[in-house]
Amino acid sequence: MNKFNLFEQDLSELYIDKIPINLSPSLSFRSRCEFGYSKNAYTMKDSSKTIYLNKFLYADRSIQELMPKILEIINKSQIMKNKLFQINFRTNSKNKILVTLIYHLKVNELLIKTIEEISKKLNVDIIIRSKNFIHATNDNFLEDELEYSKLNIFQTDNCFYQPNKFLLNRMISKVINFVENPNDLIELYCGVGTFTLPLSKVFKNVFATENNRNAYRCLLKAIQKNKINNIHTARLSSDEVTELECGRKFNRMDGIPFSSFNFSHVLVDPPRSGLTDDVINIISKYKNIIYISCNPKSYLRDIKFLGSHEIKKIELFDQFPNTEHLEIISLLQRK
């Protein structure tokens, strides 16, 4: 039984209709890749085994083309390869690449100069990281453009960003299509604003919360770049949002009166661990819940706890073909 049929079977007590599946090409789909570096090669872990490679066919083609070039340069340079621990790649829809080199040593001026030269030679932005140190050849942000309303969005080299270049915009469109009778939206775990920015065109107001500092910086930068004035933000964790709902005052609200919103929908896109009990209690108060999940197991658990609501719409997105992973986008409505 494949993972799609297995999920439908596990959900059958709560949802009986056929669930649409959005497939991805099986190769060249990853716009974000992370590798170790050892023995002059990129490395990945497969259970307890280390795999050595110089190319990665699941990566975006722009990353595939760069990987052997930069590996050859690193392997020929004792300065670059000394104590090099990890090599990360990110790319955008325009094939602009951000490379991060992570070292287990104190970075000196010679290494910085060498990296600057390689950055110009390859026309690639490079970030060097070591303990309590960061140096960027350009800046720390990788800018992209979403298909929806041509919105600009930003990411850093160490914050979450949707990894499948083929499904990203389709996921955004699906979330928008799930929305009916919008008023205001409250969003938890908003990240860099992947859904926040497009949904600001749908809702009267969006109150978006995120605790990760790097992701929050990206969100604020995008709001300013796109000149959006109906997104209100606060750097709050999901648990702090539950305290906010219960009347606690936070200086990070910057004077925004929480009572001024009229929320018709709540959107949650939690980590793989899913929702906490407190968050479930809070979001169950809202009529419409948009629940985006990257883990079928925690999703199934949480849906059962949200017994006051039922699944009205749901679709699956195969972000990582030929693996057990699934992305779920669903709309729950109060019974």
C-alpha atoms as a PDB file:
ATOM      1  CA  MET A   1       0.000   0.000   0.000  1.00  0.00           C
ATOM      2  CA  ASN A   2       1.470   3.369  -1.004  1.00  0.00           C
ATOM      3  CA  LYS A   3       1.643   6.347   1.346  1.00  0.00           C
ATOM      4  CA  PHE A   4      -1.371   8.065  -0.249  1.00  0.00           C
ATOM      5  CA  ASN A   5      -3.665   5.072   0.187  1.00  0.00           C
ATOM      6  CA  LEU A   6      -2.354   4.507   3.684  1.00  0.00           C
ATOM      7  CA  PHE A   7      -3.165   8.077   4.693  1.00  0.00           C
ATOM      8  CA  GLU A   8      -6.671   7.818   3.184  1.00  0.00           C
ATOM      9  CA  GLN A   9      -7.220   4.605   5.115  1.00  0.00           C
ATOM     10  CA  ASP A  10      -6.020   6.137   8.384  1.00  0.00           C
ATOM     11  CA  LEU A  11      -8.303   9.143   7.837  1.00  0.00           C
ATOM     12  CA  SER A  12     -11.319   7.149   6.658  1.00  0.00           C
ATOM     13  CA  GLU A  13     -13.182   7.430   9.970  1.00  0.00           C
ATOM     14  CA  LEU A  14     -13.119  11.210   9.662  1.00  0.00           C
ATOM     15  CA  TYR A  15     -13.180  11.784   5.895  1.00  0.00           C
ATOM     16  CA  ILE A  16     -14.560   9.393   3.289  1.00  0.00           C
ATOM     17  CA  ASP A  17     -14.134  11.270  -0.003  1.00  0.00           C
ATOM     18  CA  LYS A  18     -11.247  10.700  -2.386  1.00  0.00           C
ATOM     19  CA  ILE A  19      -8.341  13.016  -1.511  1.00  0.00           C
ATOM     20  CA  PRO A  20      -6.695  14.866  -4.431  1.00  0.00           C
ATOM     21  CA  ILE A  21      -2.945  14.331  -4.761  1.00  0.00           C
ATOM     22  CA  ASN A  22      -0.504  16.884  -6.150  1.00  0.00           C
ATOM     23  CA  LEU A  23       2.556  15.116  -7.512  1.00  0.00           C
ATOM     24  CA  SER A  24       6.061  16.434  -8.074  1.00  0.00           C
ATOM     25  CA  PRO A  25       8.696  15.456 -10.623  1.00  0.00           C
ATOM     26  CA  SER A  26      10.886  12.805  -9.031  1.00  0.00           C
ATOM     27  CA  LEU A  27      14.144  14.616  -9.832  1.00  0.00           C
ATOM     28  CA  SER A  28      15.482  18.197  -9.690  1.00  0.00           C
ATOM     29  CA  PHE A  29      12.769  19.370  -7.296  1.00  0.00           C
ATOM     30  CA  ARG A  30      14.718  20.469  -4.202  1.00  0.00           C
ATOM     31  CA  SER A  31      15.529  24.159  -3.921  1.00  0.00           C
ATOM     32  CA  ARG A  32      17.142  23.653  -0.506  1.00  0.00           C
ATOM     33  CA  CYS A  33      19.851  21.044   0.197  1.00  0.00           C
ATOM     34  CA  GLU A  34      22.274  20.431   3.066  1.00  0.00           C
ATOM     35  CA  PHE A  35      25.390  18.249   2.906  1.00  0.00           C
ATOM     36  CA  GLY A  36      28.254  17.330   5.136  1.00  0.00           C
ATOM     37  CA  TYR A  37      31.803  17.533   3.783  1.00  0.00           C
ATOM     38  CA  SER A  38      34.375  14.796   4.247  1.00  0.00           C
ATOM     39  CA  LYS A  39      37.108  13.080   2.198  1.00  0.00           C
ATOM     40  CA  ASN A  40      36.803  15.637  -0.622  1.00  0.00           C
ATOM     41  CA  ALA A  41      33.121  14.836  -1.162  1.00  0.00           C
ATOM     42  CA  TYR A  42      29.622  15.883  -0.158  1.00  0.00           C
ATOM     43  CA  THR A  43      28.153  13.518   2.420  1.00  0.00           C
ATOM     44  CA  MET A  44      24.683  12.427   3.475  1.00  0.00           C
ATOM     45  CA  LYS A  45      23.554   9.980   6.142  1.00  0.00           C
ATOM     46  CA  ASP A  46      21.501   6.906   5.263  1.00  0.00           C
ATOM     47  CA  SER A  47      20.618   5.278   8.583  1.00  0.00           C
ATOM     48  CA  SER A  48      24.057   4.599  10.058  1.00  0.00           C
ATOM     49  CA  LYS A  49      25.889   4.698   6.723  1.00  0.00           C
ATOM     50  CA  THR A  50      27.657   7.726   5.224  1.00  0.00           C
ATOM     51  CA  ILE A  51      27.118   8.289   1.504  1.00  0.00           C
ATOM     52  CA  TYR A  52      29.783  10.186  -0.450  1.00  0.00           C
ATOM     53  CA  LEU A  53      28.740  12.065  -3.579  1.00  0.00           C
ATOM     54  CA  ASN A  54      29.682  14.906  -5.909  1.00  0.00           C
ATOM     55  CA  LYS A  55      26.202  15.449  -7.341  1.00  0.00           C
ATOM     56  CA  PHE A  56      22.620  15.149  -6.121  1.00  0.00           C
ATOM     57  CA  LEU A  57      19.920  14.494  -8.713  1.00  0.00           C
ATOM     58  CA  TYR A  58      17.076  15.570  -6.426  1.00  0.00           C
ATOM     59  CA  ALA A  59      18.486  19.096  -6.231  1.00  0.00           C
ATOM     60  CA  ASP A  60      17.329  21.911  -8.486  1.00  0.00           C
ATOM     61  CA  ARG A  61      19.256  21.895 -11.771  1.00  0.00           C
ATOM     62  CA  SER A  62      21.018  25.150 -10.906  1.00  0.00           C
ATOM     63  CA  ILE A  63      22.356  23.527  -7.720  1.00  0.00           C
ATOM     64  CA  GLN A  64      23.285  20.349  -9.594  1.00  0.00           C
ATOM     65  CA  GLU A  65      25.383  22.377 -12.034  1.00  0.00           C
ATOM     66  CA  LEU A  66      27.164  24.286  -9.266  1.00  0.00           C
ATOM     67  CA  MET A  67      27.918  21.353  -6.951  1.00  0.00           C
ATOM     68  CA  PRO A  68      30.873  19.800  -8.863  1.00  0.00           C
ATOM     69  CA  LYS A  69      32.318  23.223  -9.715  1.00  0.00           C
ATOM     70  CA  ILE A  70      32.498  24.485  -6.162  1.00  0.00           C
ATOM     71  CA  LEU A  71      33.589  21.066  -4.871  1.00  0.00           C
ATOM     72  CA  GLU A  72      36.560  21.059  -7.245  1.00  0.00           C
ATOM     73  CA  ILE A  73      37.575  24.553  -6.092  1.00  0.00           C
ATOM     74  CA  ILE A  74      37.285  23.576  -2.421  1.00  0.00           C
ATOM     75  CA  ASN A  75      39.294  20.380  -2.886  1.00  0.00           C
ATOM     76  CA  LYS A  76      42.137  22.299  -4.556  1.00  0.00           C
ATOM     77  CA  SER A  77      42.304  24.881  -1.755  1.00  0.00           C
ATOM     78  CA  GLN A  78      43.750  23.864   1.589  1.00  0.00           C
ATOM     79  CA  ILE A  79      42.469  27.145   3.011  1.00  0.00           C
ATOM     80  CA  MET A  80      38.871  26.398   2.005  1.00  0.00           C
ATOM     81  CA  LYS A  81      38.779  22.712   2.900  1.00  0.00           C
ATOM     82  CA  ASN A  82      40.502  22.957   6.295  1.00  0.00           C
ATOM     83  CA  LYS A  83      37.918  22.170   8.998  1.00  0.00           C
ATOM     84  CA  LEU A  84      35.057  22.588   6.509  1.00  0.00           C
ATOM     85  CA  PHE A  85      32.147  20.743   8.072  1.00  0.00           C
ATOM     86  CA  GLN A  86      29.018  21.442   6.037  1.00  0.00           C
ATOM     87  CA  ILE A  87      27.966  22.867   2.649  1.00  0.00           C
ATOM     88  CA  ASN A  88      24.392  24.094   2.126  1.00  0.00           C
ATOM     89  CA  PHE A  89      22.641  25.304  -1.011  1.00  0.00           C
ATOM     90  CA  ARG A  90      19.491  27.352  -1.591  1.00  0.00           C
ATOM     91  CA  THR A  91      18.117  28.649  -4.859  1.00  0.00           C
ATOM     92  CA  ASN A  92      15.135  30.700  -6.011  1.00  0.00           C
ATOM     93  CA  SER A  93      12.830  30.717  -9.031  1.00  0.00           C
ATOM     94  CA  LYS A  94      15.379  32.786 -10.990  1.00  0.00           C
ATOM     95  CA  ASN A  95      18.183  30.287 -10.279  1.00  0.00           C
ATOM     96  CA  LYS A  96      20.021  32.634  -7.945  1.00  0.00           C
ATOM     97  CA  ILE A  97      22.001  30.479  -5.519  1.00  0.00           C
ATOM     98  CA  LEU A  98      23.042  31.067  -1.916  1.00  0.00           C
ATOM     99  CA  VAL A  99      25.830  28.804  -0.620  1.00  0.00           C
ATOM    100  CA  THR A 100      26.712  28.419   3.053  1.00  0.00           C
ATOM    101  CA  LEU A 101      30.065  27.018   4.186  1.00  0.00           C
ATOM    102  CA  ILE A 102      30.181  25.997   7.856  1.00  0.00           C
ATOM    103  CA  TYR A 103      33.563  25.641   9.554  1.00  0.00           C
ATOM    104  CA  HIS A 104      34.864  24.158  12.799  1.00  0.00           C
ATOM    105  CA  LEU A 105      37.546  26.799  13.172  1.00  0.00           C
ATOM    106  CA  LYS A 106      38.045  30.513  13.765  1.00  0.00           C
ATOM    107  CA  VAL A 107      37.645  32.204  10.387  1.00  0.00           C
ATOM    108  CA  ASN A 108      40.598  34.390   9.395  1.00  0.00           C
ATOM    109  CA  GLU A 109      41.001  37.186   6.855  1.00  0.00           C
ATOM    110  CA  LEU A 110      42.699  34.918   4.309  1.00  0.00           C
ATOM    111  CA  LEU A 111      39.717  32.572   4.218  1.00  0.00           C
ATOM    112  CA  ILE A 112      37.332  35.526   3.873  1.00  0.00           C
ATOM    113  CA  LYS A 113      39.403  36.933   0.982  1.00  0.00           C
ATOM    114  CA  THR A 114      39.457  33.526  -0.726  1.00  0.00           C
ATOM    115  CA  ILE A 115      35.685  33.147  -0.386  1.00  0.00           C
ATOM    116  CA  GLU A 116      35.119  36.645  -1.769  1.00  0.00           C
ATOM    117  CA  GLU A 117      37.166  35.751  -4.856  1.00  0.00           C
ATOM    118  CA  ILE A 118      35.287  32.478  -5.404  1.00  0.00           C
ATOM    119  CA  SER A 119      31.967  34.291  -5.018  1.00  0.00           C
ATOM    120  CA  LYS A 120      32.873  36.691  -7.834  1.00  0.00           C
ATOM    121  CA  LYS A 121      34.292  33.928 -10.021  1.00  0.00           C
ATOM    122  CA  LEU A 122      31.162  31.765  -9.791  1.00  0.00           C
ATOM    123  CA  ASN A 123      28.681  34.686  -9.495  1.00  0.00           C
ATOM    124  CA  VAL A 124      27.246  33.090  -6.370  1.00  0.00           C
ATOM    125  CA  ASP A 125      26.493  34.584  -2.951  1.00  0.00           C
ATOM    126  CA  ILE A 126      28.396  32.752  -0.215  1.00  0.00           C
ATOM    127  CA  ILE A 127      27.970  32.848   3.556  1.00  0.00           C
ATOM    128  CA  ILE A 128      30.699  31.622   5.900  1.00  0.00           C
ATOM    129  CA  ARG A 129      29.667  30.441   9.344  1.00  0.00           C
ATOM    130  CA  SER A 130      31.612  29.264  12.360  1.00  0.00           C
ATOM    131  CA  LYS A 131      30.950  29.479  16.088  1.00  0.00           C
ATOM    132  CA  ASN A 132      29.620  32.987  16.874  1.00  0.00           C
ATOM    133  CA  PHE A 133      30.724  34.221  13.439  1.00  0.00           C
ATOM    134  CA  ILE A 134      29.063  34.949  10.117  1.00  0.00           C
ATOM    135  CA  HIS A 135      30.327  36.666   6.972  1.00  0.00           C
ATOM    136  CA  ALA A 136      28.299  37.154   3.785  1.00  0.00           C
ATOM    137  CA  THR A 137      29.703  38.144   0.394  1.00  0.00           C
ATOM    138  CA  ASN A 138      26.480  40.011  -0.382  1.00  0.00           C
ATOM    139  CA  ASP A 139      23.871  39.974   2.369  1.00  0.00           C
ATOM    140  CA  ASN A 140      22.136  37.317   4.420  1.00  0.00           C
ATOM    141  CA  PHE A 141      18.936  37.266   2.360  1.00  0.00           C
ATOM    142  CA  LEU A 142      17.886  35.305  -0.707  1.00  0.00           C
ATOM    143  CA  GLU A 143      15.020  37.078  -2.458  1.00  0.00           C
ATOM    144  CA  ASP A 144      12.383  35.319  -4.543  1.00  0.00           C
ATOM    145  CA  GLU A 145       9.128  36.154  -6.289  1.00  0.00           C
ATOM    146  CA  LEU A 146       5.886  34.247  -5.737  1.00  0.00           C
ATOM    147  CA  GLU A 147       3.582  33.709  -8.694  1.00  0.00           C
ATOM    148  CA  TYR A 148       0.602  35.051  -6.759  1.00  0.00           C
ATOM    149  CA  SER A 149       0.506  38.843  -7.222  1.00  0.00           C
ATOM    150  CA  LYS A 150       4.270  38.758  -7.989  1.00  0.00           C
ATOM    151  CA  LEU A 151       4.988  39.172  -4.282  1.00  0.00           C
ATOM    152  CA  ASN A 152       8.589  39.401  -3.125  1.00  0.00           C
ATOM    153  CA  ILE A 153       9.613  36.997  -0.375  1.00  0.00           C
ATOM    154  CA  PHE A 154      12.881  36.503   1.498  1.00  0.00           C
ATOM    155  CA  GLN A 155      14.722  33.695   3.242  1.00  0.00           C
ATOM    156  CA  THR A 156      18.020  33.390   5.083  1.00  0.00           C
ATOM    157  CA  ASP A 157      20.397  30.448   4.960  1.00  0.00           C
ATOM    158  CA  ASN A 158      19.195  29.105   8.313  1.00  0.00           C
ATOM    159  CA  CYS A 159      15.411  29.518   8.374  1.00  0.00           C
ATOM    160  CA  PHE A 160      12.706  27.214   7.060  1.00  0.00           C
ATOM    161  CA  TYR A 161      11.516  27.655   3.485  1.00  0.00           C
ATOM    162  CA  GLN A 162       9.307  25.318   1.450  1.00  0.00           C
ATOM    163  CA  PRO A 163      11.784  23.012  -0.332  1.00  0.00           C
ATOM    164  CA  ASN A 164       9.877  21.816  -3.431  1.00  0.00           C
ATOM    165  CA  LYS A 165      10.077  24.397  -6.230  1.00  0.00           C
ATOM    166  CA  PHE A 166       7.340  22.701  -8.263  1.00  0.00           C
ATOM    167  CA  LEU A 167       4.713  22.603  -5.507  1.00  0.00           C
ATOM    168  CA  LEU A 168       5.304  25.865  -3.642  1.00  0.00           C
ATOM    169  CA  ASN A 169       3.041  28.109  -5.715  1.00  0.00           C
ATOM    170  CA  ARG A 170       0.455  25.354  -6.128  1.00  0.00           C
ATOM    171  CA  MET A 171       0.236  25.059  -2.345  1.00  0.00           C
ATOM    172  CA  ILE A 172      -0.293  28.809  -2.003  1.00  0.00           C
ATOM    173  CA  SER A 173      -3.068  28.752  -4.607  1.00  0.00           C
ATOM    174  CA  LYS A 174      -4.767  25.864  -2.849  1.00  0.00           C
ATOM    175  CA  VAL A 175      -4.792  27.637   0.517  1.00  0.00           C
ATOM    176  CA  ILE A 176      -6.309  30.715  -1.124  1.00  0.00           C
ATOM    177  CA  ASN A 177      -8.944  28.597  -2.875  1.00  0.00           C
ATOM    178  CA  PHE A 178      -9.932  27.038   0.454  1.00  0.00           C
ATOM    179  CA  VAL A 179     -10.913  30.441   1.899  1.00  0.00           C
ATOM    180  CA  GLU A 180     -14.574  31.494   1.849  1.00  0.00           C
ATOM    181  CA  ASN A 181     -16.206  34.521   3.492  1.00  0.00           C
ATOM    182  CA  PRO A 182     -12.947  35.981   4.828  1.00  0.00           C
ATOM    183  CA  ASN A 183     -12.732  38.671   7.447  1.00  0.00           C
ATOM    184  CA  ASP A 184      -9.512  38.745   9.526  1.00  0.00           C
ATOM    185  CA  LEU A 185      -6.932  35.949   9.749  1.00  0.00           C
ATOM    186  CA  ILE A 186      -4.772  34.909  12.694  1.00  0.00           C
ATOM    187  CA  GLU A 187      -1.739  32.850  11.727  1.00  0.00           C
ATOM    188  CA  LEU A 188       0.560  30.824  13.985  1.00  0.00           C
ATOM    189  CA  TYR A 189       3.987  29.574  12.852  1.00  0.00           C
ATOM    190  CA  CYS A 190       3.927  32.015   9.917  1.00  0.00           C
ATOM    191  CA  GLY A 191       7.653  31.636   9.153  1.00  0.00           C
ATOM    192  CA  VAL A 192       8.957  33.967   6.442  1.00  0.00           C
ATOM    193  CA  GLY A 193       5.413  34.685   5.254  1.00  0.00           C
ATOM    194  CA  THR A 194       4.947  32.081   2.521  1.00  0.00           C
ATOM    195  CA  PHE A 195       1.190  32.073   3.101  1.00  0.00           C
ATOM    196  CA  THR A 196       0.954  35.326   5.064  1.00  0.00           C
ATOM    197  CA  LEU A 197       1.879  37.574   2.155  1.00  0.00           C
ATOM    198  CA  PRO A 198      -0.584  36.122  -0.411  1.00  0.00           C
ATOM    199  CA  LEU A 199      -3.389  35.851   2.164  1.00  0.00           C
ATOM    200  CA  SER A 200      -3.056  39.569   2.918  1.00  0.00           C
ATOM    201  CA  LYS A 201      -4.676  40.051  -0.495  1.00  0.00           C
ATOM    202  CA  VAL A 202      -7.650  37.907   0.591  1.00  0.00           C
ATOM    203  CA  PHE A 203      -8.322  38.944   4.201  1.00  0.00           C
ATOM    204  CA  LYS A 204      -9.114  42.394   5.561  1.00  0.00           C
ATOM    205  CA  ASN A 205      -6.341  42.053   8.156  1.00  0.00           C
ATOM    206  CA  VAL A 206      -3.761  39.396   8.964  1.00  0.00           C
ATOM    207  CA  PHE A 207      -2.262  38.974  12.428  1.00  0.00           C
ATOM    208  CA  ALA A 208       0.852  36.833  11.928  1.00  0.00           C
ATOM    209  CA  THR A 209       3.014  35.379  14.695  1.00  0.00           C
ATOM    210  CA  GLU A 210       6.411  33.701  14.538  1.00  0.00           C
ATOM    211  CA  ASN A 211       9.033  33.056  17.214  1.00  0.00           C
ATOM    212  CA  ASN A 212      12.083  32.367  15.020  1.00  0.00           C
ATOM    213  CA  ARG A 213      14.103  35.582  14.802  1.00  0.00           C
ATOM    214  CA  ASN A 214      15.549  34.931  11.329  1.00  0.00           C
ATOM    215  CA  ALA A 215      12.190  34.012   9.834  1.00  0.00           C
ATOM    216  CA  TYR A 216      10.613  37.035  11.505  1.00  0.00           C
ATOM    217  CA  ARG A 217      13.258  39.345   9.999  1.00  0.00           C
ATOM    218  CA  CYS A 218      12.447  37.931   6.557  1.00  0.00           C
ATOM    219  CA  LEU A 219       8.736  38.514   7.109  1.00  0.00           C
ATOM    220  CA  LEU A 220       9.234  42.143   8.119  1.00  0.00           C
ATOM    221  CA  LYS A 221      11.546  42.748   5.149  1.00  0.00           C
ATOM    222  CA  ALA A 222       8.937  41.304   2.749  1.00  0.00           C
ATOM    223  CA  ILE A 223       6.102  43.364   4.235  1.00  0.00           C
ATOM    224  CA  GLN A 224       8.173  46.502   3.712  1.00  0.00           C
ATOM    225  CA  LYS A 225       9.316  45.530   0.200  1.00  0.00           C
ATOM    226  CA  ASN A 226       5.767  44.737  -0.933  1.00  0.00           C
ATOM    227  CA  LYS A 227       4.333  47.829   0.798  1.00  0.00           C
ATOM    228  CA  ILE A 228       1.647  45.811   2.576  1.00  0.00           C
ATOM    229  CA  ASN A 229      -0.236  47.662   5.306  1.00  0.00           C
ATOM    230  CA  ASN A 230      -2.767  45.106   6.544  1.00  0.00           C
ATOM    231  CA  ILE A 231      -0.336  42.547   8.001  1.00  0.00           C
ATOM    232  CA  HIS A 232       0.176  43.017  11.747  1.00  0.00           C
ATOM    233  CA  THR A 233       2.981  40.988  13.287  1.00  0.00           C
ATOM    234  CA  ALA A 234       4.325  39.936  16.662  1.00  0.00           C
ATOM    235  CA  ARG A 235       7.320  37.760  17.482  1.00  0.00           C
ATOM    236  CA  LEU A 236       5.430  35.305  19.656  1.00  0.00           C
ATOM    237  CA  SER A 237       5.592  31.547  20.078  1.00  0.00           C
ATOM    238  CA  SER A 238       2.444  29.481  19.668  1.00  0.00           C
ATOM    239  CA  ASP A 239       2.227  29.060  23.446  1.00  0.00           C
ATOM    240  CA  GLU A 240       2.525  32.825  23.929  1.00  0.00           C
ATOM    241  CA  VAL A 241      -0.362  33.317  21.502  1.00  0.00           C
ATOM    242  CA  THR A 242      -2.504  31.168  23.779  1.00  0.00           C
ATOM    243  CA  GLU A 243      -1.513  33.454  26.680  1.00  0.00           C
ATOM    244  CA  LEU A 244      -2.371  36.457  24.519  1.00  0.00           C
ATOM    245  CA  GLU A 245      -5.807  34.968  23.889  1.00  0.00           C
ATOM    246  CA  CYS A 246      -6.239  34.638  27.642  1.00  0.00           C
ATOM    247  CA  GLY A 247      -5.559  38.339  28.188  1.00  0.00           C
ATOM    248  CA  ARG A 248      -1.801  38.560  28.823  1.00  0.00           C
ATOM    249  CA  LYS A 249      -0.174  41.787  27.607  1.00  0.00           C
ATOM    250  CA  PHE A 250       3.003  41.624  25.511  1.00  0.00           C
ATOM    251  CA  ASN A 251       5.240  44.593  24.690  1.00  0.00           C
ATOM    252  CA  ARG A 252       6.039  42.807  21.414  1.00  0.00           C
ATOM    253  CA  MET A 253       2.479  43.579  20.276  1.00  0.00           C
ATOM    254  CA  ASP A 254       3.648  47.194  19.765  1.00  0.00           C
ATOM    255  CA  GLY A 255       0.340  48.533  20.962  1.00  0.00           C
ATOM    256  CA  ILE A 256      -1.795  46.433  18.593  1.00  0.00           C
ATOM    257  CA  PRO A 257      -5.119  45.814  20.409  1.00  0.00           C
ATOM    258  CA  PHE A 258      -5.841  42.106  20.002  1.00  0.00           C
ATOM    259  CA  SER A 259      -9.528  42.753  20.608  1.00  0.00           C
ATOM    260  CA  SER A 260      -9.713  44.938  17.483  1.00  0.00           C
ATOM    261  CA  PHE A 261      -9.545  41.922  15.152  1.00  0.00           C
ATOM    262  CA  ASN A 262     -12.548  40.005  13.891  1.00  0.00           C
ATOM    263  CA  PHE A 263     -11.048  36.629  13.030  1.00  0.00           C
ATOM    264  CA  SER A 264     -12.973  34.447  10.613  1.00  0.00           C
ATOM    265  CA  HIS A 265     -10.075  32.010  10.080  1.00  0.00           C
ATOM    266  CA  VAL A 266      -6.990  30.707  11.854  1.00  0.00           C
ATOM    267  CA  LEU A 267      -4.041  29.183   9.963  1.00  0.00           C
ATOM    268  CA  VAL A 268      -1.546  26.831  11.605  1.00  0.00           C
ATOM    269  CA  ASP A 269       1.524  25.332   9.939  1.00  0.00           C
ATOM    270  CA  PRO A 270       3.347  23.683  12.864  1.00  0.00           C
ATOM    271  CA  PRO A 271       6.620  21.720  12.936  1.00  0.00           C
ATOM    272  CA  ARG A 272       6.574  17.938  12.538  1.00  0.00           C
ATOM    273  CA  SER A 273       5.637  17.499  16.201  1.00  0.00           C
ATOM    274  CA  GLY A 274       2.225  19.069  15.458  1.00  0.00           C
ATOM    275  CA  LEU A 275       0.071  21.197  17.742  1.00  0.00           C
ATOM    276  CA  THR A 276       0.342  21.488  21.519  1.00  0.00           C
ATOM    277  CA  ASP A 277      -2.722  20.941  23.693  1.00  0.00           C
ATOM    278  CA  ASP A 278      -2.917  24.675  24.438  1.00  0.00           C
ATOM    279  CA  VAL A 279      -2.878  25.581  20.745  1.00  0.00           C
ATOM    280  CA  ILE A 280      -5.593  23.006  20.022  1.00  0.00           C
ATOM    281  CA  ASN A 281      -7.742  24.546  22.739  1.00  0.00           C
ATOM    282  CA  ILE A 282      -7.259  28.028  21.308  1.00  0.00           C
ATOM    283  CA  ILE A 283      -7.822  27.312  17.607  1.00  0.00           C
ATOM    284  CA  SER A 284     -10.909  25.206  18.355  1.00  0.00           C
ATOM    285  CA  LYS A 285     -12.648  28.498  19.219  1.00  0.00           C
ATOM    286  CA  TYR A 286     -12.544  29.601  15.582  1.00  0.00           C
ATOM    287  CA  LYS A 287     -15.070  28.549  12.976  1.00  0.00           C
ATOM    288  CA  ASN A 288     -12.529  27.930  10.194  1.00  0.00           C
ATOM    289  CA  ILE A 289      -9.135  26.287  10.696  1.00  0.00           C
ATOM    290  CA  ILE A 290      -6.623  26.021   7.873  1.00  0.00           C
ATOM    291  CA  TYR A 291      -4.256  23.277   9.012  1.00  0.00           C
ATOM    292  CA  ILE A 292      -1.076  22.692   7.010  1.00  0.00           C
ATOM    293  CA  SER A 293       0.973  19.709   8.141  1.00  0.00           C
ATOM    294  CA  CYS A 294       4.198  18.003   7.100  1.00  0.00           C
ATOM    295  CA  ASN A 295       3.564  14.936   9.263  1.00  0.00           C
ATOM    296  CA  PRO A 296       0.545  12.639   8.693  1.00  0.00           C
ATOM    297  CA  LYS A 297       0.954  11.041  12.142  1.00  0.00           C
ATOM    298  CA  SER A 298       0.778  14.265  14.157  1.00  0.00           C
ATOM    299  CA  TYR A 299      -1.947  15.564  11.821  1.00  0.00           C
ATOM    300  CA  LEU A 300      -4.153  12.517  12.441  1.00  0.00           C
ATOM    301  CA  ARG A 301      -3.585  12.821  16.176  1.00  0.00           C
ATOM    302  CA  ASP A 302      -4.474  16.536  16.222  1.00  0.00           C
ATOM    303  CA  ILE A 303      -7.565  16.152  14.036  1.00  0.00           C
ATOM    304  CA  LYS A 304      -8.995  13.667  16.516  1.00  0.00           C
ATOM    305  CA  PHE A 305      -8.460  16.168  19.335  1.00  0.00           C
ATOM    306  CA  LEU A 306     -10.229  18.837  17.273  1.00  0.00           C
ATOM    307  CA  GLY A 307     -13.510  16.961  17.612  1.00  0.00           C
ATOM    308  CA  SER A 308     -15.544  20.158  17.427  1.00  0.00           C
ATOM    309  CA  HIS A 309     -14.517  20.524  13.770  1.00  0.00           C
ATOM    310  CA  GLU A 310     -14.748  18.394  10.656  1.00  0.00           C
ATOM    311  CA  ILE A 311     -12.658  18.250   7.492  1.00  0.00           C
ATOM    312  CA  LYS A 312     -14.347  20.141   4.677  1.00  0.00           C
ATOM    313  CA  LYS A 313     -11.489  20.230   2.166  1.00  0.00           C
ATOM    314  CA  ILE A 314      -8.172  18.431   2.024  1.00  0.00           C
ATOM    315  CA  GLU A 315      -5.380  17.791  -0.491  1.00  0.00           C
ATOM    316  CA  LEU A 316      -2.024  16.055  -0.405  1.00  0.00           C
ATOM    317  CA  PHE A 317       1.248  17.390  -1.792  1.00  0.00           C
ATOM    318  CA  ASP A 318       4.091  14.975  -2.511  1.00  0.00           C
ATOM    319  CA  GLN A 319       6.960  17.309  -1.625  1.00  0.00           C
ATOM    320  CA  PHE A 320       9.517  14.498  -1.390  1.00  0.00           C
ATOM    321  CA  PRO A 321       8.778  11.857  -4.068  1.00  0.00           C
ATOM    322  CA  ASN A 322       9.731   8.248  -3.311  1.00  0.00           C
ATOM    323  CA  THR A 323       9.825   8.878   0.442  1.00  0.00           C
ATOM    324  CA  GLU A 324       7.258   8.443   3.211  1.00  0.00           C
ATOM    325  CA  HIS A 325       6.853  12.221   3.606  1.00  0.00           C
ATOM    326  CA  LEU A 326       3.575  13.982   2.815  1.00  0.00           C
ATOM    327  CA  GLU A 327       2.414  17.587   3.023  1.00  0.00           C
ATOM    328  CA  ILE A 328      -1.255  18.087   3.920  1.00  0.00           C
ATOM    329  CA  ILE A 329      -3.387  21.180   3.358  1.00  0.00           C
ATOM    330  CA  SER A 330      -6.843  21.082   4.882  1.00  0.00           C
ATOM    331  CA  LEU A 331      -9.784  23.245   5.872  1.00  0.00           C
ATOM    332  CA  LEU A 332     -11.644  22.324   9.058  1.00  0.00           C
ATOM    333  CA  GLN A 333     -14.987  23.889   9.962  1.00  0.00           C
ATOM    334  CA  ARG A 334     -16.906  23.816  13.203  1.00  0.00           C
ATOM    335  CA  LYS A 335     -19.642  21.204  13.114  1.00  0.00           C
END
